[in-house]
């Protein structure tokens, strides 16, 4: 029996590659939102700009230049504030993760937050997270916490249900300014053809890192804020040494059967 989700939720995840559910109460969200906003204000600087580059991105944003759209980002929030560490160790969330991942040995990969401003909030082309951090058993899932009510108009999340079953798709992304940007064929998988995830503040979406997902332009008067954690099974094996983040491998539940315990490797990531 599932620990937190329903059997229907688990079946939906297996079939569609994602599941949405209510997790945090309004009071809990008040605390999270306060810390979220204060963190972005404390860290505010030009280096927080995280909008994707490339001609396909400009086309999706209906923009002539990258300065015409924006999204601010902070990575590794657990290194900035204990409030976000508490989210990662919330027993309800870990129960839900165990329900869909099928393991109690749950480890952190990384976290990030995107703050998408009104009127010029950048879209994200449809993509699979696999290309950023591939793992042997594809155990990786994303935990997407909606800080605000989210829909198509304010740049919300969208997905191609069941696309996690397609395996790894051909990369149509670009490398620009030393950064890699990955996305699937925009002609075959346009944002317009995706299914919007209509979510309320405090609702969580868990999805496979093989699921095609993206987000719309924010043309509304509302901000769209989110917090995301990438979570993996502790016994999964990284295929490429890339996207290594602070606290990567931190055990959130269970134990890590692969972790080396020799003195020689005590400082290895």
C-alpha atoms as a PDB file:
ATOM      1  CA  UNK A   1       0.000   0.000   0.000  1.00  0.00           C
ATOM      2  CA  UNK A   2       1.235   3.525  -0.739  1.00  0.00           C
ATOM      3  CA  UNK A   3       2.464   5.552   2.229  1.00  0.00           C
ATOM      4  CA  UNK A   4       1.050   8.961   1.249  1.00  0.00           C
ATOM      5  CA  UNK A   5      -0.365   8.930  -2.273  1.00  0.00           C
ATOM      6  CA  UNK A   6      -3.330   6.859  -3.377  1.00  0.00           C
ATOM      7  CA  UNK A   7      -3.004   3.759  -5.521  1.00  0.00           C
ATOM      8  CA  UNK A   8      -4.640   5.780  -8.309  1.00  0.00           C
ATOM      9  CA  UNK A   9      -1.932   8.440  -7.927  1.00  0.00           C
ATOM     10  CA  UNK A  10       0.841   5.851  -8.232  1.00  0.00           C
ATOM     11  CA  UNK A  11      -0.810   4.287 -11.299  1.00  0.00           C
ATOM     12  CA  UNK A  12      -1.204   7.741 -12.848  1.00  0.00           C
ATOM     13  CA  UNK A  13       2.488   8.456 -12.306  1.00  0.00           C
ATOM     14  CA  UNK A  14       3.545   5.199 -13.955  1.00  0.00           C
ATOM     15  CA  UNK A  15       1.333   5.845 -16.971  1.00  0.00           C
ATOM     16  CA  UNK A  16       1.875   9.577 -17.415  1.00  0.00           C
ATOM     17  CA  UNK A  17       5.276  10.234 -15.845  1.00  0.00           C
ATOM     18  CA  UNK A  18       3.994  12.779 -13.329  1.00  0.00           C
ATOM     19  CA  UNK A  19       1.560  13.227 -10.472  1.00  0.00           C
ATOM     20  CA  UNK A  20       0.170  16.315  -8.701  1.00  0.00           C
ATOM     21  CA  UNK A  21      -0.996  16.485  -5.093  1.00  0.00           C
ATOM     22  CA  UNK A  22      -1.564  18.869  -2.197  1.00  0.00           C
ATOM     23  CA  UNK A  23       1.258  18.908   0.345  1.00  0.00           C
ATOM     24  CA  UNK A  24       1.636  22.168   2.274  1.00  0.00           C
ATOM     25  CA  UNK A  25      -1.048  24.065   4.195  1.00  0.00           C
ATOM     26  CA  UNK A  26      -1.606  27.838   3.763  1.00  0.00           C
ATOM     27  CA  UNK A  27       0.196  28.490   7.063  1.00  0.00           C
ATOM     28  CA  UNK A  28       3.182  26.391   5.997  1.00  0.00           C
ATOM     29  CA  UNK A  29       3.256  28.173   2.655  1.00  0.00           C
ATOM     30  CA  UNK A  30       3.236  31.580   4.338  1.00  0.00           C
ATOM     31  CA  UNK A  31       6.520  30.661   6.039  1.00  0.00           C
ATOM     32  CA  UNK A  32       8.045  29.215   2.862  1.00  0.00           C
ATOM     33  CA  UNK A  33       6.997  32.239   0.771  1.00  0.00           C
ATOM     34  CA  UNK A  34       8.418  34.703   3.293  1.00  0.00           C
ATOM     35  CA  UNK A  35      11.804  32.966   3.290  1.00  0.00           C
ATOM     36  CA  UNK A  36      11.729  32.563  -0.489  1.00  0.00           C
ATOM     37  CA  UNK A  37      11.159  36.281  -1.114  1.00  0.00           C
ATOM     38  CA  UNK A  38      13.712  37.362   1.483  1.00  0.00           C
ATOM     39  CA  UNK A  39      16.315  35.013  -0.022  1.00  0.00           C
ATOM     40  CA  UNK A  40      15.850  36.448  -3.518  1.00  0.00           C
ATOM     41  CA  UNK A  41      16.102  39.973  -2.136  1.00  0.00           C
ATOM     42  CA  UNK A  42      19.249  39.173  -0.152  1.00  0.00           C
ATOM     43  CA  UNK A  43      20.967  37.625  -3.157  1.00  0.00           C
ATOM     44  CA  UNK A  44      19.638  39.916  -5.894  1.00  0.00           C
ATOM     45  CA  UNK A  45      22.309  40.418  -8.548  1.00  0.00           C
ATOM     46  CA  UNK A  46      22.697  40.250 -12.361  1.00  0.00           C
ATOM     47  CA  UNK A  47      24.272  36.780 -12.080  1.00  0.00           C
ATOM     48  CA  UNK A  48      20.881  35.318 -11.134  1.00  0.00           C
ATOM     49  CA  UNK A  49      19.587  35.581 -14.700  1.00  0.00           C
ATOM     50  CA  UNK A  50      18.814  32.050 -15.904  1.00  0.00           C
ATOM     51  CA  UNK A  51      16.789  32.360 -19.116  1.00  0.00           C
ATOM     52  CA  UNK A  52      17.813  29.933 -21.849  1.00  0.00           C
ATOM     53  CA  UNK A  53      19.703  31.227 -24.886  1.00  0.00           C
ATOM     54  CA  UNK A  54      19.442  30.390 -28.577  1.00  0.00           C
ATOM     55  CA  UNK A  55      17.208  31.323 -31.494  1.00  0.00           C
ATOM     56  CA  UNK A  56      14.552  28.732 -30.624  1.00  0.00           C
ATOM     57  CA  UNK A  57      14.217  30.285 -27.173  1.00  0.00           C
ATOM     58  CA  UNK A  58      13.787  33.768 -28.659  1.00  0.00           C
ATOM     59  CA  UNK A  59      11.137  32.376 -30.989  1.00  0.00           C
ATOM     60  CA  UNK A  60       9.254  30.741 -28.112  1.00  0.00           C
ATOM     61  CA  UNK A  61       9.399  33.994 -26.145  1.00  0.00           C
ATOM     62  CA  UNK A  62       8.333  35.996 -29.205  1.00  0.00           C
ATOM     63  CA  UNK A  63      11.330  38.226 -28.538  1.00  0.00           C
ATOM     64  CA  UNK A  64      14.045  39.848 -30.619  1.00  0.00           C
ATOM     65  CA  UNK A  65      16.701  39.738 -27.929  1.00  0.00           C
ATOM     66  CA  UNK A  66      17.459  37.817 -24.735  1.00  0.00           C
ATOM     67  CA  UNK A  67      17.003  41.037 -22.746  1.00  0.00           C
ATOM     68  CA  UNK A  68      13.312  40.947 -23.662  1.00  0.00           C
ATOM     69  CA  UNK A  69      12.616  38.033 -21.302  1.00  0.00           C
ATOM     70  CA  UNK A  70      13.903  36.976 -17.896  1.00  0.00           C
ATOM     71  CA  UNK A  71      13.816  34.507 -15.042  1.00  0.00           C
ATOM     72  CA  UNK A  72      15.825  34.790 -11.836  1.00  0.00           C
ATOM     73  CA  UNK A  73      17.280  31.635 -10.339  1.00  0.00           C
ATOM     74  CA  UNK A  74      18.950  30.519  -7.110  1.00  0.00           C
ATOM     75  CA  UNK A  75      20.504  27.052  -6.915  1.00  0.00           C
ATOM     76  CA  UNK A  76      21.198  24.854  -3.900  1.00  0.00           C
ATOM     77  CA  UNK A  77      18.730  26.616  -1.626  1.00  0.00           C
ATOM     78  CA  UNK A  78      19.481  24.180   1.200  1.00  0.00           C
ATOM     79  CA  UNK A  79      22.890  25.882   1.426  1.00  0.00           C
ATOM     80  CA  UNK A  80      21.209  29.284   1.844  1.00  0.00           C
ATOM     81  CA  UNK A  81      18.349  28.624   4.255  1.00  0.00           C
ATOM     82  CA  UNK A  82      17.261  25.854   6.614  1.00  0.00           C
ATOM     83  CA  UNK A  83      13.636  26.364   5.530  1.00  0.00           C
ATOM     84  CA  UNK A  84      14.421  24.587   2.272  1.00  0.00           C
ATOM     85  CA  UNK A  85      16.293  21.810   4.041  1.00  0.00           C
ATOM     86  CA  UNK A  86      13.127  21.239   6.051  1.00  0.00           C
ATOM     87  CA  UNK A  87      11.123  20.860   2.829  1.00  0.00           C
ATOM     88  CA  UNK A  88      13.543  18.172   1.638  1.00  0.00           C
ATOM     89  CA  UNK A  89      13.210  16.211   4.877  1.00  0.00           C
ATOM     90  CA  UNK A  90       9.428  16.549   5.209  1.00  0.00           C
ATOM     91  CA  UNK A  91       8.134  13.047   5.998  1.00  0.00           C
ATOM     92  CA  UNK A  92       5.018  13.499   3.872  1.00  0.00           C
ATOM     93  CA  UNK A  93       7.106  14.395   0.842  1.00  0.00           C
ATOM     94  CA  UNK A  94       9.489  11.485   1.432  1.00  0.00           C
ATOM     95  CA  UNK A  95       6.528   9.113   1.739  1.00  0.00           C
ATOM     96  CA  UNK A  96       5.202  10.372  -1.611  1.00  0.00           C
ATOM     97  CA  UNK A  97       8.645   9.975  -3.186  1.00  0.00           C
ATOM     98  CA  UNK A  98       8.936   6.427  -1.879  1.00  0.00           C
ATOM     99  CA  UNK A  99       5.497   5.688  -3.334  1.00  0.00           C
ATOM    100  CA  UNK A 100       6.535   6.645  -6.890  1.00  0.00           C
ATOM    101  CA  UNK A 101      10.248   5.736  -6.794  1.00  0.00           C
ATOM    102  CA  UNK A 102       9.751   2.299  -5.261  1.00  0.00           C
ATOM    103  CA  UNK A 103      12.683   2.653  -2.875  1.00  0.00           C
ATOM    104  CA  UNK A 104      13.265   3.980   0.624  1.00  0.00           C
ATOM    105  CA  UNK A 105      16.900   4.836  -0.174  1.00  0.00           C
ATOM    106  CA  UNK A 106      16.324   8.403  -1.338  1.00  0.00           C
ATOM    107  CA  UNK A 107      19.123  10.897  -1.996  1.00  0.00           C
ATOM    108  CA  UNK A 108      19.352  14.550  -3.010  1.00  0.00           C
ATOM    109  CA  UNK A 109      20.842  15.612  -6.327  1.00  0.00           C
ATOM    110  CA  UNK A 110      20.280  19.386  -6.239  1.00  0.00           C
ATOM    111  CA  UNK A 111      17.713  22.117  -5.710  1.00  0.00           C
ATOM    112  CA  UNK A 112      16.861  25.374  -7.442  1.00  0.00           C
ATOM    113  CA  UNK A 113      14.212  28.069  -7.540  1.00  0.00           C
ATOM    114  CA  UNK A 114      12.938  30.073 -10.498  1.00  0.00           C
ATOM    115  CA  UNK A 115      11.273  33.436 -10.042  1.00  0.00           C
ATOM    116  CA  UNK A 116       9.461  34.284 -13.285  1.00  0.00           C
ATOM    117  CA  UNK A 117       8.464  37.977 -13.412  1.00  0.00           C
ATOM    118  CA  UNK A 118       5.212  39.380 -14.829  1.00  0.00           C
ATOM    119  CA  UNK A 119       4.957  40.463 -18.474  1.00  0.00           C
ATOM    120  CA  UNK A 120       8.421  39.218 -19.500  1.00  0.00           C
ATOM    121  CA  UNK A 121       8.810  35.879 -17.754  1.00  0.00           C
ATOM    122  CA  UNK A 122      10.872  33.557 -19.944  1.00  0.00           C
ATOM    123  CA  UNK A 123       9.419  30.320 -21.310  1.00  0.00           C
ATOM    124  CA  UNK A 124      11.331  27.024 -21.248  1.00  0.00           C
ATOM    125  CA  UNK A 125      11.283  24.808 -24.303  1.00  0.00           C
ATOM    126  CA  UNK A 126      10.200  21.195 -23.912  1.00  0.00           C
ATOM    127  CA  UNK A 127      13.105  19.146 -22.604  1.00  0.00           C
ATOM    128  CA  UNK A 128      14.209  16.116 -20.619  1.00  0.00           C
ATOM    129  CA  UNK A 129      16.436  16.671 -17.597  1.00  0.00           C
ATOM    130  CA  UNK A 130      18.338  13.468 -18.410  1.00  0.00           C
ATOM    131  CA  UNK A 131      20.804  15.295 -20.673  1.00  0.00           C
ATOM    132  CA  UNK A 132      21.935  17.513 -17.802  1.00  0.00           C
ATOM    133  CA  UNK A 133      22.642  14.654 -15.376  1.00  0.00           C
ATOM    134  CA  UNK A 134      22.210  11.151 -16.850  1.00  0.00           C
ATOM    135  CA  UNK A 135      21.927   8.150 -14.528  1.00  0.00           C
ATOM    136  CA  UNK A 136      22.095   4.434 -15.310  1.00  0.00           C
ATOM    137  CA  UNK A 137      18.718   3.389 -13.899  1.00  0.00           C
ATOM    138  CA  UNK A 138      16.807   6.628 -14.631  1.00  0.00           C
ATOM    139  CA  UNK A 139      15.592   6.824 -11.056  1.00  0.00           C
ATOM    140  CA  UNK A 140      15.744  10.633 -11.019  1.00  0.00           C
ATOM    141  CA  UNK A 141      12.558  12.590 -10.362  1.00  0.00           C
ATOM    142  CA  UNK A 142      11.834  16.272  -9.904  1.00  0.00           C
ATOM    143  CA  UNK A 143       9.820  17.663  -7.018  1.00  0.00           C
ATOM    144  CA  UNK A 144       8.178  20.877  -8.252  1.00  0.00           C
ATOM    145  CA  UNK A 145       6.646  22.973  -5.466  1.00  0.00           C
ATOM    146  CA  UNK A 146       4.286  25.708  -6.641  1.00  0.00           C
ATOM    147  CA  UNK A 147       4.924  28.824  -4.565  1.00  0.00           C
ATOM    148  CA  UNK A 148       2.123  30.608  -6.424  1.00  0.00           C
ATOM    149  CA  UNK A 149      -1.069  29.544  -8.151  1.00  0.00           C
ATOM    150  CA  UNK A 150       0.224  28.487 -11.550  1.00  0.00           C
ATOM    151  CA  UNK A 151      -1.391  28.237 -14.977  1.00  0.00           C
ATOM    152  CA  UNK A 152      -0.699  28.826 -18.646  1.00  0.00           C
ATOM    153  CA  UNK A 153      -1.137  32.604 -18.380  1.00  0.00           C
ATOM    154  CA  UNK A 154       1.529  33.216 -15.726  1.00  0.00           C
ATOM    155  CA  UNK A 155       4.140  30.893 -17.206  1.00  0.00           C
ATOM    156  CA  UNK A 156       3.216  27.632 -15.529  1.00  0.00           C
ATOM    157  CA  UNK A 157       4.586  24.135 -16.025  1.00  0.00           C
ATOM    158  CA  UNK A 158       3.494  22.004 -18.983  1.00  0.00           C
ATOM    159  CA  UNK A 159       4.215  18.383 -19.956  1.00  0.00           C
ATOM    160  CA  UNK A 160       3.773  15.751 -22.635  1.00  0.00           C
ATOM    161  CA  UNK A 161       2.035  12.989 -20.636  1.00  0.00           C
ATOM    162  CA  UNK A 162       3.588   9.561 -21.161  1.00  0.00           C
ATOM    163  CA  UNK A 163       6.687  10.928 -22.919  1.00  0.00           C
ATOM    164  CA  UNK A 164       8.912   9.367 -20.242  1.00  0.00           C
ATOM    165  CA  UNK A 165       8.275   6.063 -22.040  1.00  0.00           C
ATOM    166  CA  UNK A 166       9.991   7.342 -25.206  1.00  0.00           C
ATOM    167  CA  UNK A 167      13.473   7.012 -23.747  1.00  0.00           C
ATOM    168  CA  UNK A 168      16.155   9.633 -24.346  1.00  0.00           C
ATOM    169  CA  UNK A 169      15.207  11.887 -27.257  1.00  0.00           C
ATOM    170  CA  UNK A 170      17.581  13.575 -29.705  1.00  0.00           C
ATOM    171  CA  UNK A 171      19.025  16.815 -28.395  1.00  0.00           C
ATOM    172  CA  UNK A 172      18.194  19.989 -30.349  1.00  0.00           C
ATOM    173  CA  UNK A 173      19.767  22.380 -27.873  1.00  0.00           C
ATOM    174  CA  UNK A 174      22.737  24.720 -28.127  1.00  0.00           C
ATOM    175  CA  UNK A 175      25.984  25.541 -26.366  1.00  0.00           C
ATOM    176  CA  UNK A 176      26.378  29.267 -25.829  1.00  0.00           C
ATOM    177  CA  UNK A 177      28.687  31.355 -23.617  1.00  0.00           C
ATOM    178  CA  UNK A 178      30.106  28.172 -22.118  1.00  0.00           C
ATOM    179  CA  UNK A 179      26.665  26.931 -21.079  1.00  0.00           C
ATOM    180  CA  UNK A 180      24.670  23.971 -22.362  1.00  0.00           C
ATOM    181  CA  UNK A 181      20.971  24.301 -23.119  1.00  0.00           C
ATOM    182  CA  UNK A 182      19.071  21.132 -23.997  1.00  0.00           C
ATOM    183  CA  UNK A 183      15.652  20.758 -25.575  1.00  0.00           C
ATOM    184  CA  UNK A 184      13.705  18.370 -27.770  1.00  0.00           C
ATOM    185  CA  UNK A 185      12.715  19.113 -31.364  1.00  0.00           C
ATOM    186  CA  UNK A 186      10.459  22.218 -31.069  1.00  0.00           C
ATOM    187  CA  UNK A 187       8.726  21.334 -34.319  1.00  0.00           C
ATOM    188  CA  UNK A 188       7.721  17.905 -33.025  1.00  0.00           C
ATOM    189  CA  UNK A 189       7.175  18.879 -29.396  1.00  0.00           C
ATOM    190  CA  UNK A 190       6.062  22.538 -29.312  1.00  0.00           C
ATOM    191  CA  UNK A 191       5.117  24.171 -26.035  1.00  0.00           C
ATOM    192  CA  UNK A 192       1.697  24.874 -27.559  1.00  0.00           C
ATOM    193  CA  UNK A 193       1.039  21.146 -27.893  1.00  0.00           C
ATOM    194  CA  UNK A 194       1.845  20.326 -24.268  1.00  0.00           C
ATOM    195  CA  UNK A 195      -0.614  19.769 -21.423  1.00  0.00           C
ATOM    196  CA  UNK A 196      -0.669  22.659 -18.924  1.00  0.00           C
ATOM    197  CA  UNK A 197      -0.409  21.760 -15.232  1.00  0.00           C
ATOM    198  CA  UNK A 198      -2.904  23.942 -13.401  1.00  0.00           C
ATOM    199  CA  UNK A 199      -1.686  24.030  -9.811  1.00  0.00           C
ATOM    200  CA  UNK A 200      -2.517  25.846  -6.615  1.00  0.00           C
ATOM    201  CA  UNK A 201      -0.072  27.360  -4.145  1.00  0.00           C
ATOM    202  CA  UNK A 202       1.297  24.547  -1.965  1.00  0.00           C
ATOM    203  CA  UNK A 203       0.663  21.790  -4.500  1.00  0.00           C
ATOM    204  CA  UNK A 204       3.540  19.590  -5.626  1.00  0.00           C
ATOM    205  CA  UNK A 205       4.194  17.902  -8.955  1.00  0.00           C
ATOM    206  CA  UNK A 206       6.594  14.947  -9.016  1.00  0.00           C
ATOM    207  CA  UNK A 207       7.780  13.951 -12.486  1.00  0.00           C
ATOM    208  CA  UNK A 208      10.355  11.661 -14.106  1.00  0.00           C
ATOM    209  CA  UNK A 209      13.491  13.310 -15.484  1.00  0.00           C
ATOM    210  CA  UNK A 210      12.663  11.599 -18.802  1.00  0.00           C
ATOM    211  CA  UNK A 211       9.295  13.367 -19.024  1.00  0.00           C
ATOM    212  CA  UNK A 212       9.168  16.140 -21.626  1.00  0.00           C
ATOM    213  CA  UNK A 213       8.374  19.301 -19.710  1.00  0.00           C
ATOM    214  CA  UNK A 214       8.683  23.037 -20.115  1.00  0.00           C
ATOM    215  CA  UNK A 215       6.879  26.222 -19.190  1.00  0.00           C
ATOM    216  CA  UNK A 216       4.992  29.035 -20.866  1.00  0.00           C
ATOM    217  CA  UNK A 217       5.807  32.716 -21.254  1.00  0.00           C
ATOM    218  CA  UNK A 218       4.525  34.772 -18.347  1.00  0.00           C
ATOM    219  CA  UNK A 219       2.499  37.500 -20.034  1.00  0.00           C
ATOM    220  CA  UNK A 220       0.257  38.028 -17.018  1.00  0.00           C
ATOM    221  CA  UNK A 221       0.408  40.580 -14.204  1.00  0.00           C
ATOM    222  CA  UNK A 222       1.292  37.783 -11.750  1.00  0.00           C
ATOM    223  CA  UNK A 223       4.679  36.437 -10.699  1.00  0.00           C
ATOM    224  CA  UNK A 224       5.286  32.686 -10.967  1.00  0.00           C
ATOM    225  CA  UNK A 225       7.586  31.339  -8.277  1.00  0.00           C
ATOM    226  CA  UNK A 226       8.665  27.733  -7.824  1.00  0.00           C
ATOM    227  CA  UNK A 227      11.063  25.580  -5.799  1.00  0.00           C
ATOM    228  CA  UNK A 228      12.413  22.402  -7.360  1.00  0.00           C
ATOM    229  CA  UNK A 229      14.420  19.480  -6.012  1.00  0.00           C
ATOM    230  CA  UNK A 230      15.950  16.726  -8.114  1.00  0.00           C
ATOM    231  CA  UNK A 231      15.879  13.439  -6.202  1.00  0.00           C
ATOM    232  CA  UNK A 232      17.438  10.064  -7.024  1.00  0.00           C
ATOM    233  CA  UNK A 233      17.641   6.526  -5.708  1.00  0.00           C
ATOM    234  CA  UNK A 234      20.831   6.242  -3.666  1.00  0.00           C
ATOM    235  CA  UNK A 235      22.009   3.127  -5.493  1.00  0.00           C
ATOM    236  CA  UNK A 236      21.681   4.670  -8.974  1.00  0.00           C
ATOM    237  CA  UNK A 237      24.921   5.294 -10.875  1.00  0.00           C
ATOM    238  CA  UNK A 238      25.883   8.573 -12.518  1.00  0.00           C
ATOM    239  CA  UNK A 239      26.884   8.033 -16.170  1.00  0.00           C
ATOM    240  CA  UNK A 240      28.770  11.317 -16.616  1.00  0.00           C
ATOM    241  CA  UNK A 241      30.539  13.470 -14.056  1.00  0.00           C
ATOM    242  CA  UNK A 242      28.510  16.610 -14.662  1.00  0.00           C
ATOM    243  CA  UNK A 243      26.180  18.926 -12.766  1.00  0.00           C
ATOM    244  CA  UNK A 244      27.860  18.200  -9.433  1.00  0.00           C
ATOM    245  CA  UNK A 245      26.204  20.277  -6.709  1.00  0.00           C
ATOM    246  CA  UNK A 246      26.731  21.024  -3.006  1.00  0.00           C
ATOM    247  CA  UNK A 247      25.145  18.358  -0.772  1.00  0.00           C
ATOM    248  CA  UNK A 248      24.694  16.041  -3.762  1.00  0.00           C
ATOM    249  CA  UNK A 249      24.173  12.540  -2.430  1.00  0.00           C
ATOM    250  CA  UNK A 250      22.788  13.741   0.907  1.00  0.00           C
ATOM    251  CA  UNK A 251      20.592  10.950   2.222  1.00  0.00           C
ATOM    252  CA  UNK A 252      17.024  12.063   2.846  1.00  0.00           C
ATOM    253  CA  UNK A 253      15.719   8.606   3.735  1.00  0.00           C
ATOM    254  CA  UNK A 254      17.220   5.136   4.099  1.00  0.00           C
ATOM    255  CA  UNK A 255      20.889   4.438   3.387  1.00  0.00           C
ATOM    256  CA  UNK A 256      23.408   4.532   0.519  1.00  0.00           C
ATOM    257  CA  UNK A 257      24.749   1.068  -0.376  1.00  0.00           C
ATOM    258  CA  UNK A 258      27.246   2.521  -2.884  1.00  0.00           C
ATOM    259  CA  UNK A 259      28.951   5.100  -0.668  1.00  0.00           C
ATOM    260  CA  UNK A 260      32.668   4.464  -0.127  1.00  0.00           C
ATOM    261  CA  UNK A 261      33.807   4.452   3.501  1.00  0.00           C
ATOM    262  CA  UNK A 262      37.610   4.391   3.055  1.00  0.00           C
ATOM    263  CA  UNK A 263      39.877   7.087   4.459  1.00  0.00           C
ATOM    264  CA  UNK A 264      41.367   7.541   1.001  1.00  0.00           C
ATOM    265  CA  UNK A 265      38.071   8.768  -0.406  1.00  0.00           C
ATOM    266  CA  UNK A 266      36.724  10.558   2.638  1.00  0.00           C
ATOM    267  CA  UNK A 267      36.903  13.967   0.897  1.00  0.00           C
ATOM    268  CA  UNK A 268      35.529  12.779  -2.447  1.00  0.00           C
ATOM    269  CA  UNK A 269      32.215  14.210  -3.537  1.00  0.00           C
END
